[in-house]
């Protein structure tokens, strides 16, 4: 129970991939879980399933990570309900395949906003409670695409590379508060263990 009674917010956690799997692993280690996603029914269902299976407190909160007010409300409601935020996992992401020559402004903005701006908004929102408690962990999902590039994913590659730079800078800023900031860069993940 390495995370006993810690509180973890995980964005993009209602789907069948990395986010939900991370939530379940954290719950198995004793953490209380905030499932954040944009799908109301799935978000609540996943939160209830994790509470039932692992006996931890869970919250299901609908949140668009590109909307600053929704992100701030997510953290505020977590603090009101659970009293603290120990872990943030910036998992929410979006990709739209398109060559640079054919990419629209809307496609560029959508991917950059979800992946990079969402990471910024969520990280910034948890800093105040983490700095006050002088402890915290922020983990952001980058990608191997941000390290080596990938055809028809220039916006996604740029966002994921940006997450690495953002992570390095933020880690230096908050180290004195005992807040660890890391990014991981997985490759393609196949996960159909949990239902969509």
N, C-alpha and C. Protein backbone atom coordinates (compact mmCIF):
# COMPACT_ATOMS: atom_id res chain seq x y z
N UNK A 1 0.84 -1.19 0.00
CA UNK A 1 0.00 0.00 0.00
C UNK A 1 0.88 1.25 0.00
N UNK A 2 1.65 1.41 -1.03
CA UNK A 2 2.64 2.48 -1.09
C UNK A 2 2.03 3.87 -1.22
N UNK A 3 0.75 3.95 -1.60
CA UNK A 3 0.09 5.24 -1.77
C UNK A 3 -1.06 5.40 -0.78
N UNK A 4 -0.99 4.73 0.34
CA UNK A 4 -2.08 4.73 1.31
C UNK A 4 -2.56 6.13 1.64
N UNK A 5 -3.86 6.37 1.38
CA UNK A 5 -4.57 7.61 1.71
C UNK A 5 -4.07 8.84 0.97
N UNK A 6 -3.21 8.67 -0.03
CA UNK A 6 -2.88 9.80 -0.88
C UNK A 6 -4.02 10.03 -1.88
N UNK A 7 -4.10 11.25 -2.37
CA UNK A 7 -5.17 11.63 -3.30
C UNK A 7 -4.56 11.89 -4.67
N UNK A 8 -5.07 11.19 -5.68
CA UNK A 8 -4.53 11.29 -7.03
C UNK A 8 -5.61 11.75 -8.00
N UNK A 9 -5.31 12.80 -8.75
CA UNK A 9 -6.16 13.24 -9.86
C UNK A 9 -5.56 12.69 -11.14
N UNK A 10 -6.37 12.03 -11.94
CA UNK A 10 -5.89 11.46 -13.20
C UNK A 10 -6.81 11.94 -14.31
N UNK A 11 -6.27 12.69 -15.24
CA UNK A 11 -7.08 13.21 -16.35
C UNK A 11 -7.16 12.18 -17.47
N UNK A 12 -8.24 12.26 -18.23
CA UNK A 12 -8.42 11.31 -19.33
C UNK A 12 -8.47 9.88 -18.85
N UNK A 13 -9.14 9.64 -17.70
CA UNK A 13 -9.04 8.34 -17.03
C UNK A 13 -10.27 7.46 -17.20
N UNK A 14 -11.25 7.89 -17.99
CA UNK A 14 -12.46 7.09 -18.12
C UNK A 14 -12.41 6.12 -19.30
N UNK A 15 -11.42 6.26 -20.16
CA UNK A 15 -11.30 5.37 -21.30
C UNK A 15 -10.62 4.06 -20.93
N UNK A 16 -10.29 3.28 -21.94
CA UNK A 16 -9.77 1.93 -21.70
C UNK A 16 -8.24 1.88 -21.76
N UNK A 17 -7.57 2.99 -21.59
CA UNK A 17 -6.13 2.99 -21.79
C UNK A 17 -5.32 3.31 -20.56
N UNK A 18 -4.28 4.11 -20.76
CA UNK A 18 -3.30 4.39 -19.72
C UNK A 18 -3.94 5.03 -18.49
N UNK A 19 -4.85 5.97 -18.69
CA UNK A 19 -5.44 6.69 -17.57
C UNK A 19 -6.18 5.79 -16.60
N UNK A 20 -7.09 4.98 -17.11
CA UNK A 20 -7.85 4.09 -16.23
C UNK A 20 -6.96 3.04 -15.59
N UNK A 21 -6.01 2.52 -16.35
CA UNK A 21 -5.10 1.53 -15.80
C UNK A 21 -4.26 2.13 -14.67
N UNK A 22 -3.81 3.36 -14.86
CA UNK A 22 -3.07 4.06 -13.81
C UNK A 22 -3.94 4.23 -12.57
N UNK A 23 -5.18 4.65 -12.77
CA UNK A 23 -6.10 4.84 -11.64
C UNK A 23 -6.26 3.54 -10.86
N UNK A 24 -6.41 2.45 -11.54
CA UNK A 24 -6.59 1.16 -10.87
C UNK A 24 -5.31 0.74 -10.13
N UNK A 25 -4.18 0.98 -10.72
CA UNK A 25 -2.91 0.64 -10.05
C UNK A 25 -2.73 1.48 -8.78
N UNK A 26 -3.05 2.77 -8.87
CA UNK A 26 -2.93 3.64 -7.70
C UNK A 26 -3.92 3.22 -6.61
N UNK A 27 -5.15 2.88 -7.02
CA UNK A 27 -6.15 2.45 -6.04
C UNK A 27 -5.71 1.16 -5.35
N UNK A 28 -5.11 0.28 -6.10
CA UNK A 28 -4.61 -0.98 -5.52
C UNK A 28 -3.55 -0.71 -4.47
N UNK A 29 -2.85 0.42 -4.61
CA UNK A 29 -1.83 0.80 -3.65
C UNK A 29 -2.39 1.70 -2.53
N UNK A 30 -3.71 1.87 -2.49
CA UNK A 30 -4.34 2.57 -1.38
C UNK A 30 -4.68 4.03 -1.61
N UNK A 31 -4.45 4.55 -2.81
CA UNK A 31 -4.75 5.96 -3.08
C UNK A 31 -6.24 6.18 -3.30
N UNK A 32 -6.72 7.35 -2.91
CA UNK A 32 -8.06 7.79 -3.26
C UNK A 32 -7.97 8.45 -4.63
N UNK A 33 -8.95 8.20 -5.48
CA UNK A 33 -8.81 8.51 -6.90
C UNK A 33 -9.86 9.51 -7.38
N UNK A 34 -9.41 10.50 -8.14
CA UNK A 34 -10.31 11.40 -8.85
C UNK A 34 -10.18 11.07 -10.34
N UNK A 35 -11.27 10.53 -10.88
CA UNK A 35 -11.34 10.21 -12.30
C UNK A 35 -11.85 11.45 -13.03
N UNK A 36 -11.04 12.00 -13.90
CA UNK A 36 -11.42 13.19 -14.66
C UNK A 36 -11.47 12.85 -16.15
N UNK A 37 -12.56 13.23 -16.80
CA UNK A 37 -12.69 12.98 -18.23
C UNK A 37 -13.82 13.86 -18.76
N UNK A 38 -14.05 13.80 -20.06
CA UNK A 38 -15.10 14.63 -20.68
C UNK A 38 -16.38 13.86 -20.91
N UNK A 39 -16.42 12.58 -20.59
CA UNK A 39 -17.59 11.74 -20.82
C UNK A 39 -18.31 11.49 -19.49
N UNK A 40 -19.44 12.16 -19.24
CA UNK A 40 -20.08 12.08 -17.92
C UNK A 40 -20.42 10.67 -17.46
N UNK A 41 -21.08 9.88 -18.29
CA UNK A 41 -21.51 8.55 -17.87
C UNK A 41 -20.33 7.64 -17.59
N UNK A 42 -19.36 7.60 -18.51
CA UNK A 42 -18.20 6.73 -18.31
C UNK A 42 -17.38 7.17 -17.11
N UNK A 43 -17.24 8.49 -16.93
CA UNK A 43 -16.46 9.00 -15.81
C UNK A 43 -17.03 8.50 -14.49
N UNK A 44 -18.34 8.60 -14.33
CA UNK A 44 -18.98 8.16 -13.09
C UNK A 44 -18.92 6.64 -12.95
N UNK A 45 -19.12 5.92 -14.04
CA UNK A 45 -19.08 4.45 -13.98
C UNK A 45 -17.71 3.94 -13.56
N UNK A 46 -16.66 4.53 -14.13
CA UNK A 46 -15.30 4.09 -13.78
C UNK A 46 -15.00 4.42 -12.33
N UNK A 47 -15.41 5.61 -11.88
CA UNK A 47 -15.17 5.98 -10.48
C UNK A 47 -15.87 5.01 -9.54
N UNK A 48 -17.11 4.67 -9.84
CA UNK A 48 -17.85 3.75 -8.99
C UNK A 48 -17.24 2.34 -9.01
N UNK A 49 -16.79 1.91 -10.17
CA UNK A 49 -16.19 0.58 -10.28
C UNK A 49 -14.91 0.48 -9.46
N UNK A 50 -14.09 1.52 -9.52
CA UNK A 50 -12.83 1.51 -8.77
C UNK A 50 -13.09 1.54 -7.26
N UNK A 51 -14.08 2.34 -6.84
CA UNK A 51 -14.44 2.39 -5.42
C UNK A 51 -14.89 1.02 -4.94
N UNK A 52 -15.70 0.35 -5.75
CA UNK A 52 -16.23 -0.95 -5.37
C UNK A 52 -15.14 -2.03 -5.34
N UNK A 53 -14.25 -1.99 -6.33
CA UNK A 53 -13.24 -3.04 -6.45
C UNK A 53 -12.09 -2.90 -5.46
N UNK A 54 -11.75 -1.66 -5.10
CA UNK A 54 -10.55 -1.45 -4.29
C UNK A 54 -10.82 -0.84 -2.91
N UNK A 55 -12.06 -0.44 -2.65
CA UNK A 55 -12.40 0.08 -1.34
C UNK A 55 -11.78 1.42 -1.00
N UNK A 56 -11.52 2.24 -2.01
CA UNK A 56 -10.96 3.57 -1.78
C UNK A 56 -12.02 4.61 -2.12
N UNK A 57 -11.81 5.83 -1.65
CA UNK A 57 -12.70 6.92 -2.01
C UNK A 57 -12.43 7.31 -3.46
N UNK A 58 -13.48 7.55 -4.21
CA UNK A 58 -13.31 8.00 -5.60
C UNK A 58 -14.29 9.13 -5.90
N UNK A 59 -13.87 9.97 -6.81
CA UNK A 59 -14.74 11.01 -7.35
C UNK A 59 -14.67 10.91 -8.87
N UNK A 60 -15.81 11.04 -9.52
CA UNK A 60 -15.85 11.14 -10.97
C UNK A 60 -16.20 12.56 -11.34
N UNK A 61 -15.30 13.26 -12.02
CA UNK A 61 -15.53 14.67 -12.34
C UNK A 61 -15.34 14.93 -13.82
N UNK A 62 -16.36 15.50 -14.44
CA UNK A 62 -16.27 15.87 -15.84
C UNK A 62 -15.43 17.14 -15.94
N UNK A 63 -14.41 17.09 -16.79
CA UNK A 63 -13.52 18.24 -16.92
C UNK A 63 -12.88 18.25 -18.30
N UNK A 64 -12.99 19.37 -18.97
CA UNK A 64 -12.28 19.63 -20.22
C UNK A 64 -10.98 20.33 -19.85
N UNK A 65 -9.86 19.67 -20.05
CA UNK A 65 -8.58 20.24 -19.58
C UNK A 65 -8.16 21.48 -20.35
N UNK A 66 -8.86 21.80 -21.45
CA UNK A 66 -8.55 23.02 -22.19
C UNK A 66 -9.32 24.22 -21.64
N UNK A 67 -10.18 23.99 -20.67
CA UNK A 67 -10.99 25.06 -20.09
C UNK A 67 -10.47 25.37 -18.69
N UNK A 68 -9.84 26.51 -18.52
CA UNK A 68 -9.19 26.85 -17.26
C UNK A 68 -10.15 26.82 -16.09
N UNK A 69 -11.37 27.32 -16.28
CA UNK A 69 -12.33 27.34 -15.17
C UNK A 69 -12.72 25.94 -14.74
N UNK A 70 -12.84 25.00 -15.68
CA UNK A 70 -13.17 23.62 -15.34
C UNK A 70 -12.01 22.95 -14.59
N UNK A 71 -10.80 23.24 -15.02
CA UNK A 71 -9.63 22.66 -14.34
C UNK A 71 -9.53 23.20 -12.91
N UNK A 72 -9.70 24.50 -12.76
CA UNK A 72 -9.65 25.08 -11.41
C UNK A 72 -10.74 24.50 -10.52
N UNK A 73 -11.93 24.30 -11.08
CA UNK A 73 -13.04 23.71 -10.32
C UNK A 73 -12.73 22.26 -9.94
N UNK A 74 -12.09 21.53 -10.83
CA UNK A 74 -11.70 20.15 -10.55
C UNK A 74 -10.83 20.07 -9.30
N UNK A 75 -9.83 20.93 -9.23
CA UNK A 75 -8.92 20.91 -8.09
C UNK A 75 -9.62 21.42 -6.83
N UNK A 76 -10.42 22.47 -6.97
CA UNK A 76 -11.13 23.00 -5.81
C UNK A 76 -12.09 21.96 -5.22
N UNK A 77 -12.83 21.27 -6.07
CA UNK A 77 -13.78 20.26 -5.60
C UNK A 77 -13.05 19.07 -4.99
N UNK A 78 -11.89 18.73 -5.53
CA UNK A 78 -11.08 17.66 -4.94
C UNK A 78 -10.65 18.05 -3.53
N UNK A 79 -10.19 19.27 -3.38
CA UNK A 79 -9.76 19.74 -2.06
C UNK A 79 -10.93 19.75 -1.07
N UNK A 80 -12.09 20.18 -1.53
CA UNK A 80 -13.26 20.23 -0.64
C UNK A 80 -13.70 18.83 -0.22
N UNK A 81 -13.63 17.88 -1.14
CA UNK A 81 -14.13 16.53 -0.86
C UNK A 81 -13.10 15.64 -0.17
N UNK A 82 -11.83 15.79 -0.53
CA UNK A 82 -10.80 14.85 -0.05
C UNK A 82 -9.69 15.52 0.75
N UNK A 83 -9.66 16.86 0.76
CA UNK A 83 -8.77 17.57 1.66
C UNK A 83 -7.35 17.81 1.20
N UNK A 84 -6.94 17.19 0.09
CA UNK A 84 -5.57 17.36 -0.37
C UNK A 84 -5.43 16.87 -1.80
N UNK A 85 -4.31 17.19 -2.43
CA UNK A 85 -3.93 16.63 -3.73
C UNK A 85 -2.46 16.25 -3.62
N UNK A 86 -2.19 14.96 -3.72
CA UNK A 86 -0.81 14.47 -3.62
C UNK A 86 -0.20 14.14 -4.97
N UNK A 87 -1.05 13.73 -5.91
CA UNK A 87 -0.56 13.26 -7.21
C UNK A 87 -1.45 13.81 -8.31
N UNK A 88 -0.83 14.29 -9.36
CA UNK A 88 -1.54 14.64 -10.59
C UNK A 88 -0.92 13.84 -11.72
N UNK A 89 -1.76 13.15 -12.48
CA UNK A 89 -1.29 12.49 -13.70
C UNK A 89 -1.95 13.18 -14.89
N UNK A 90 -1.14 13.90 -15.66
CA UNK A 90 -1.62 14.58 -16.87
C UNK A 90 -1.65 13.57 -18.02
N UNK A 91 -2.77 12.87 -18.11
CA UNK A 91 -2.90 11.81 -19.11
C UNK A 91 -3.76 12.21 -20.30
N UNK A 92 -4.65 13.19 -20.13
CA UNK A 92 -5.56 13.57 -21.21
C UNK A 92 -4.78 13.93 -22.47
N UNK A 93 -5.21 13.41 -23.59
CA UNK A 93 -4.51 13.69 -24.85
C UNK A 93 -5.46 13.59 -26.03
N UNK A 94 -4.98 14.08 -27.15
CA UNK A 94 -5.78 14.06 -28.38
C UNK A 94 -4.83 14.02 -29.56
N UNK A 95 -5.19 13.28 -30.59
CA UNK A 95 -4.41 13.26 -31.81
C UNK A 95 -5.35 13.21 -33.01
N UNK A 96 -4.99 13.89 -34.06
CA UNK A 96 -5.75 13.90 -35.31
C UNK A 96 -4.72 13.77 -36.44
N UNK A 97 -4.74 12.67 -37.15
CA UNK A 97 -3.74 12.46 -38.19
C UNK A 97 -3.95 13.44 -39.35
N UNK A 98 -2.87 14.14 -39.70
CA UNK A 98 -2.92 15.08 -40.82
C UNK A 98 -1.50 15.49 -41.17
N UNK A 99 -1.21 15.59 -42.46
CA UNK A 99 0.09 16.09 -42.88
C UNK A 99 0.14 17.59 -42.61
N UNK A 100 1.34 18.13 -42.46
CA UNK A 100 1.47 19.57 -42.22
C UNK A 100 0.87 20.36 -43.38
N UNK A 101 1.07 19.89 -44.60
CA UNK A 101 0.55 20.59 -45.78
C UNK A 101 -0.97 20.68 -45.78
N UNK A 102 -1.63 19.69 -45.18
CA UNK A 102 -3.09 19.65 -45.19
C UNK A 102 -3.71 20.00 -43.83
N UNK A 103 -2.89 20.20 -42.81
CA UNK A 103 -3.40 20.43 -41.47
C UNK A 103 -4.11 21.77 -41.36
N UNK A 104 -5.28 21.76 -40.71
CA UNK A 104 -6.01 23.01 -40.50
C UNK A 104 -5.57 23.66 -39.19
N UNK A 105 -5.86 24.95 -39.07
CA UNK A 105 -5.59 25.64 -37.81
C UNK A 105 -6.34 24.98 -36.67
N UNK A 106 -7.56 24.56 -36.93
CA UNK A 106 -8.38 23.94 -35.88
C UNK A 106 -7.76 22.62 -35.41
N UNK A 107 -7.25 21.81 -36.34
CA UNK A 107 -6.60 20.56 -35.95
C UNK A 107 -5.36 20.82 -35.11
N UNK A 108 -4.55 21.78 -35.53
CA UNK A 108 -3.35 22.14 -34.77
C UNK A 108 -3.72 22.58 -33.36
N UNK A 109 -4.67 23.52 -33.28
CA UNK A 109 -5.05 24.07 -31.99
C UNK A 109 -5.66 23.02 -31.07
N UNK A 110 -6.48 22.14 -31.62
CA UNK A 110 -7.12 21.10 -30.80
C UNK A 110 -6.10 20.22 -30.12
N UNK A 111 -5.14 19.74 -30.88
CA UNK A 111 -4.14 18.82 -30.32
C UNK A 111 -3.21 19.54 -29.35
N UNK A 112 -2.74 20.72 -29.72
CA UNK A 112 -1.86 21.49 -28.83
C UNK A 112 -2.59 21.85 -27.54
N UNK A 113 -3.84 22.26 -27.65
CA UNK A 113 -4.59 22.68 -26.47
C UNK A 113 -4.83 21.53 -25.49
N UNK A 114 -5.26 20.38 -26.00
CA UNK A 114 -5.52 19.25 -25.10
C UNK A 114 -4.22 18.75 -24.48
N UNK A 115 -3.22 18.50 -25.31
CA UNK A 115 -1.99 17.86 -24.81
C UNK A 115 -1.12 18.82 -24.00
N UNK A 116 -0.85 19.99 -24.54
CA UNK A 116 0.13 20.88 -23.90
C UNK A 116 -0.53 21.91 -22.98
N UNK A 117 -1.52 22.62 -23.48
CA UNK A 117 -2.18 23.59 -22.62
C UNK A 117 -2.87 22.90 -21.45
N UNK A 118 -3.47 21.74 -21.69
CA UNK A 118 -4.11 20.99 -20.62
C UNK A 118 -3.12 20.59 -19.54
N UNK A 119 -1.93 20.20 -19.94
CA UNK A 119 -0.88 19.86 -18.97
C UNK A 119 -0.50 21.08 -18.14
N UNK A 120 -0.39 22.24 -18.80
CA UNK A 120 -0.08 23.48 -18.09
C UNK A 120 -1.19 23.85 -17.12
N UNK A 121 -2.45 23.87 -17.58
CA UNK A 121 -3.56 24.25 -16.73
C UNK A 121 -3.65 23.36 -15.49
N UNK A 122 -3.59 22.06 -15.70
CA UNK A 122 -3.75 21.12 -14.57
C UNK A 122 -2.57 21.21 -13.61
N UNK A 123 -1.36 21.32 -14.14
CA UNK A 123 -0.19 21.43 -13.27
C UNK A 123 -0.26 22.71 -12.45
N UNK A 124 -0.57 23.81 -13.09
CA UNK A 124 -0.66 25.08 -12.37
C UNK A 124 -1.72 25.02 -11.27
N UNK A 125 -2.85 24.38 -11.56
CA UNK A 125 -3.95 24.35 -10.60
C UNK A 125 -3.61 23.57 -9.33
N UNK A 126 -2.78 22.53 -9.43
CA UNK A 126 -2.45 21.74 -8.23
C UNK A 126 -1.27 22.31 -7.45
N UNK A 127 -0.57 23.28 -8.02
CA UNK A 127 0.65 23.76 -7.37
C UNK A 127 0.38 24.42 -6.02
N UNK A 128 -0.68 25.21 -5.91
CA UNK A 128 -0.93 25.90 -4.65
C UNK A 128 -1.13 24.91 -3.50
N UNK A 129 -2.05 23.93 -3.62
CA UNK A 129 -2.17 22.97 -2.51
C UNK A 129 -0.91 22.15 -2.28
N UNK A 130 -0.22 21.78 -3.34
CA UNK A 130 1.01 21.00 -3.15
C UNK A 130 2.09 21.82 -2.47
N UNK A 131 2.22 23.08 -2.84
CA UNK A 131 3.23 23.94 -2.22
C UNK A 131 2.90 24.19 -0.75
N UNK A 132 1.61 24.33 -0.44
CA UNK A 132 1.22 24.55 0.95
C UNK A 132 1.50 23.32 1.82
N UNK A 133 1.28 22.12 1.26
CA UNK A 133 1.54 20.92 2.04
C UNK A 133 2.99 20.46 1.92
N UNK A 134 3.76 21.18 1.09
CA UNK A 134 5.19 20.89 0.88
C UNK A 134 5.44 19.43 0.45
N UNK A 135 4.59 19.02 -0.48
CA UNK A 135 4.73 17.66 -0.99
C UNK A 135 3.82 17.47 -2.19
N UNK A 136 4.29 16.74 -3.18
CA UNK A 136 3.43 16.42 -4.31
C UNK A 136 4.20 15.74 -5.43
N UNK A 137 3.45 15.15 -6.33
CA UNK A 137 4.02 14.48 -7.49
C UNK A 137 3.17 14.80 -8.72
N UNK A 138 3.81 15.27 -9.76
CA UNK A 138 3.15 15.54 -11.03
C UNK A 138 3.81 14.67 -12.09
N UNK A 139 3.00 13.86 -12.75
CA UNK A 139 3.50 12.99 -13.82
C UNK A 139 2.74 13.33 -15.10
N UNK A 140 3.44 13.68 -16.14
CA UNK A 140 2.81 14.04 -17.41
C UNK A 140 3.15 13.03 -18.48
N UNK A 141 2.17 12.74 -19.31
CA UNK A 141 2.36 11.79 -20.40
C UNK A 141 2.88 12.51 -21.63
N UNK A 142 4.16 12.27 -21.93
CA UNK A 142 4.71 12.68 -23.21
C UNK A 142 4.55 11.49 -24.15
N UNK A 143 5.46 11.30 -25.06
CA UNK A 143 5.37 10.20 -26.02
C UNK A 143 6.71 10.05 -26.73
N UNK A 144 6.98 8.85 -27.21
CA UNK A 144 8.17 8.69 -28.04
C UNK A 144 8.06 9.56 -29.28
N UNK A 145 6.83 9.89 -29.69
CA UNK A 145 6.64 10.78 -30.84
C UNK A 145 7.22 12.16 -30.57
N UNK A 146 7.25 12.57 -29.32
CA UNK A 146 7.84 13.86 -28.97
C UNK A 146 9.35 13.84 -28.97
N UNK A 147 9.92 12.66 -29.02
CA UNK A 147 11.38 12.51 -29.03
C UNK A 147 11.93 12.27 -30.43
N UNK A 148 11.18 11.55 -31.25
CA UNK A 148 11.74 11.20 -32.56
C UNK A 148 10.88 11.60 -33.75
N UNK A 149 9.69 12.14 -33.50
CA UNK A 149 8.83 12.58 -34.60
C UNK A 149 8.03 11.43 -35.19
N UNK A 150 6.98 11.80 -35.91
CA UNK A 150 6.13 10.79 -36.54
C UNK A 150 5.33 11.46 -37.65
N UNK A 151 5.25 10.81 -38.79
CA UNK A 151 4.53 11.38 -39.93
C UNK A 151 3.07 11.63 -39.61
N UNK A 152 2.55 12.72 -40.13
CA UNK A 152 1.15 13.12 -39.98
C UNK A 152 0.76 13.40 -38.53
N UNK A 153 1.75 13.67 -37.71
CA UNK A 153 1.48 13.97 -36.30
C UNK A 153 2.35 15.13 -35.81
N UNK A 154 2.60 16.11 -36.66
CA UNK A 154 3.51 17.19 -36.28
C UNK A 154 2.99 17.96 -35.06
N UNK A 155 1.67 18.19 -35.02
CA UNK A 155 1.09 18.90 -33.87
C UNK A 155 1.23 18.08 -32.59
N UNK A 156 0.99 16.78 -32.68
CA UNK A 156 1.10 15.88 -31.53
C UNK A 156 2.56 15.79 -31.07
N UNK A 157 3.47 15.66 -32.03
CA UNK A 157 4.90 15.60 -31.69
C UNK A 157 5.35 16.89 -31.02
N UNK A 158 4.90 18.03 -31.54
CA UNK A 158 5.27 19.31 -30.95
C UNK A 158 4.74 19.43 -29.53
N UNK A 159 3.50 19.01 -29.32
CA UNK A 159 2.91 19.09 -27.99
C UNK A 159 3.64 18.18 -27.01
N UNK A 160 3.94 16.97 -27.44
CA UNK A 160 4.58 16.02 -26.54
C UNK A 160 6.04 16.40 -26.25
N UNK A 161 6.71 16.99 -27.23
CA UNK A 161 8.06 17.53 -26.97
C UNK A 161 7.96 18.71 -26.01
N UNK A 162 6.93 19.54 -26.19
CA UNK A 162 6.71 20.67 -25.29
C UNK A 162 6.49 20.23 -23.86
N UNK A 163 5.80 19.12 -23.66
CA UNK A 163 5.58 18.59 -22.31
C UNK A 163 6.91 18.26 -21.64
N UNK A 164 7.85 17.74 -22.40
CA UNK A 164 9.16 17.41 -21.82
C UNK A 164 9.87 18.69 -21.35
N UNK A 165 9.87 19.71 -22.19
CA UNK A 165 10.50 20.97 -21.80
C UNK A 165 9.79 21.61 -20.62
N UNK A 166 8.46 21.59 -20.64
CA UNK A 166 7.67 22.14 -19.54
C UNK A 166 7.98 21.40 -18.24
N UNK A 167 8.07 20.10 -18.31
CA UNK A 167 8.34 19.28 -17.13
C UNK A 167 9.69 19.62 -16.53
N UNK A 168 10.69 19.75 -17.37
CA UNK A 168 12.04 20.06 -16.86
C UNK A 168 12.07 21.42 -16.17
N UNK A 169 11.40 22.41 -16.77
CA UNK A 169 11.38 23.74 -16.18
C UNK A 169 10.61 23.75 -14.87
N UNK A 170 9.44 23.12 -14.84
CA UNK A 170 8.63 23.11 -13.62
C UNK A 170 9.33 22.36 -12.50
N UNK A 171 10.00 21.27 -12.84
CA UNK A 171 10.72 20.50 -11.81
C UNK A 171 11.74 21.37 -11.08
N UNK A 172 12.42 22.23 -11.82
CA UNK A 172 13.40 23.13 -11.20
C UNK A 172 12.72 24.17 -10.32
N UNK A 173 11.55 24.64 -10.74
CA UNK A 173 10.85 25.69 -9.99
C UNK A 173 10.32 25.21 -8.65
N UNK A 174 9.90 23.95 -8.58
CA UNK A 174 9.18 23.50 -7.37
C UNK A 174 9.95 22.47 -6.55
N UNK A 175 11.17 22.20 -6.91
CA UNK A 175 11.95 21.20 -6.17
C UNK A 175 12.08 21.57 -4.69
N UNK A 176 12.20 22.86 -4.39
CA UNK A 176 12.37 23.30 -3.01
C UNK A 176 11.13 23.02 -2.17
N UNK A 177 9.99 22.77 -2.80
CA UNK A 177 8.77 22.47 -2.08
C UNK A 177 8.52 20.96 -1.97
N UNK A 178 9.53 20.17 -2.31
CA UNK A 178 9.42 18.71 -2.26
C UNK A 178 8.34 18.20 -3.22
N UNK A 179 8.22 18.88 -4.35
CA UNK A 179 7.30 18.45 -5.40
C UNK A 179 8.12 17.88 -6.54
N UNK A 180 7.85 16.64 -6.86
CA UNK A 180 8.56 15.98 -7.96
C UNK A 180 7.73 16.10 -9.23
N UNK A 181 8.40 16.43 -10.33
CA UNK A 181 7.71 16.59 -11.62
C UNK A 181 8.45 15.75 -12.65
N UNK A 182 7.74 14.81 -13.25
CA UNK A 182 8.34 13.89 -14.21
C UNK A 182 7.45 13.72 -15.42
N UNK A 183 8.05 13.33 -16.52
CA UNK A 183 7.30 12.97 -17.72
C UNK A 183 7.73 11.57 -18.14
N UNK A 184 6.80 10.82 -18.67
CA UNK A 184 7.12 9.53 -19.24
C UNK A 184 6.75 9.57 -20.72
N UNK A 185 7.45 8.78 -21.51
CA UNK A 185 7.26 8.83 -22.97
C UNK A 185 7.00 7.43 -23.51
N UNK A 186 5.78 6.93 -23.33
CA UNK A 186 5.48 5.58 -23.83
C UNK A 186 5.37 5.55 -25.35
N UNK A 187 5.48 4.36 -25.88
CA UNK A 187 5.19 4.13 -27.28
C UNK A 187 3.72 3.82 -27.45
N UNK A 188 3.36 3.19 -28.56
CA UNK A 188 1.97 2.84 -28.83
C UNK A 188 1.50 1.80 -27.81
N UNK A 189 0.35 2.07 -27.19
CA UNK A 189 -0.18 1.19 -26.17
C UNK A 189 -1.48 0.56 -26.65
N UNK A 190 -1.54 -0.75 -26.59
CA UNK A 190 -2.78 -1.46 -26.87
C UNK A 190 -3.36 -1.91 -25.53
N UNK A 191 -4.58 -1.48 -25.20
CA UNK A 191 -5.18 -1.87 -23.94
C UNK A 191 -6.69 -1.98 -24.15
N UNK A 192 -7.17 -3.19 -24.17
CA UNK A 192 -8.61 -3.41 -24.29
C UNK A 192 -9.13 -4.21 -23.10
N UNK A 193 -8.41 -4.18 -22.00
CA UNK A 193 -8.83 -4.95 -20.83
C UNK A 193 -10.09 -4.37 -20.21
N UNK A 194 -10.22 -3.06 -20.20
CA UNK A 194 -11.38 -2.40 -19.60
C UNK A 194 -12.28 -1.89 -20.71
N UNK A 195 -13.59 -1.92 -20.51
CA UNK A 195 -14.51 -1.46 -21.57
C UNK A 195 -14.43 0.03 -21.78
N UNK A 196 -14.68 0.44 -23.00
CA UNK A 196 -14.75 1.87 -23.33
C UNK A 196 -15.95 2.49 -22.64
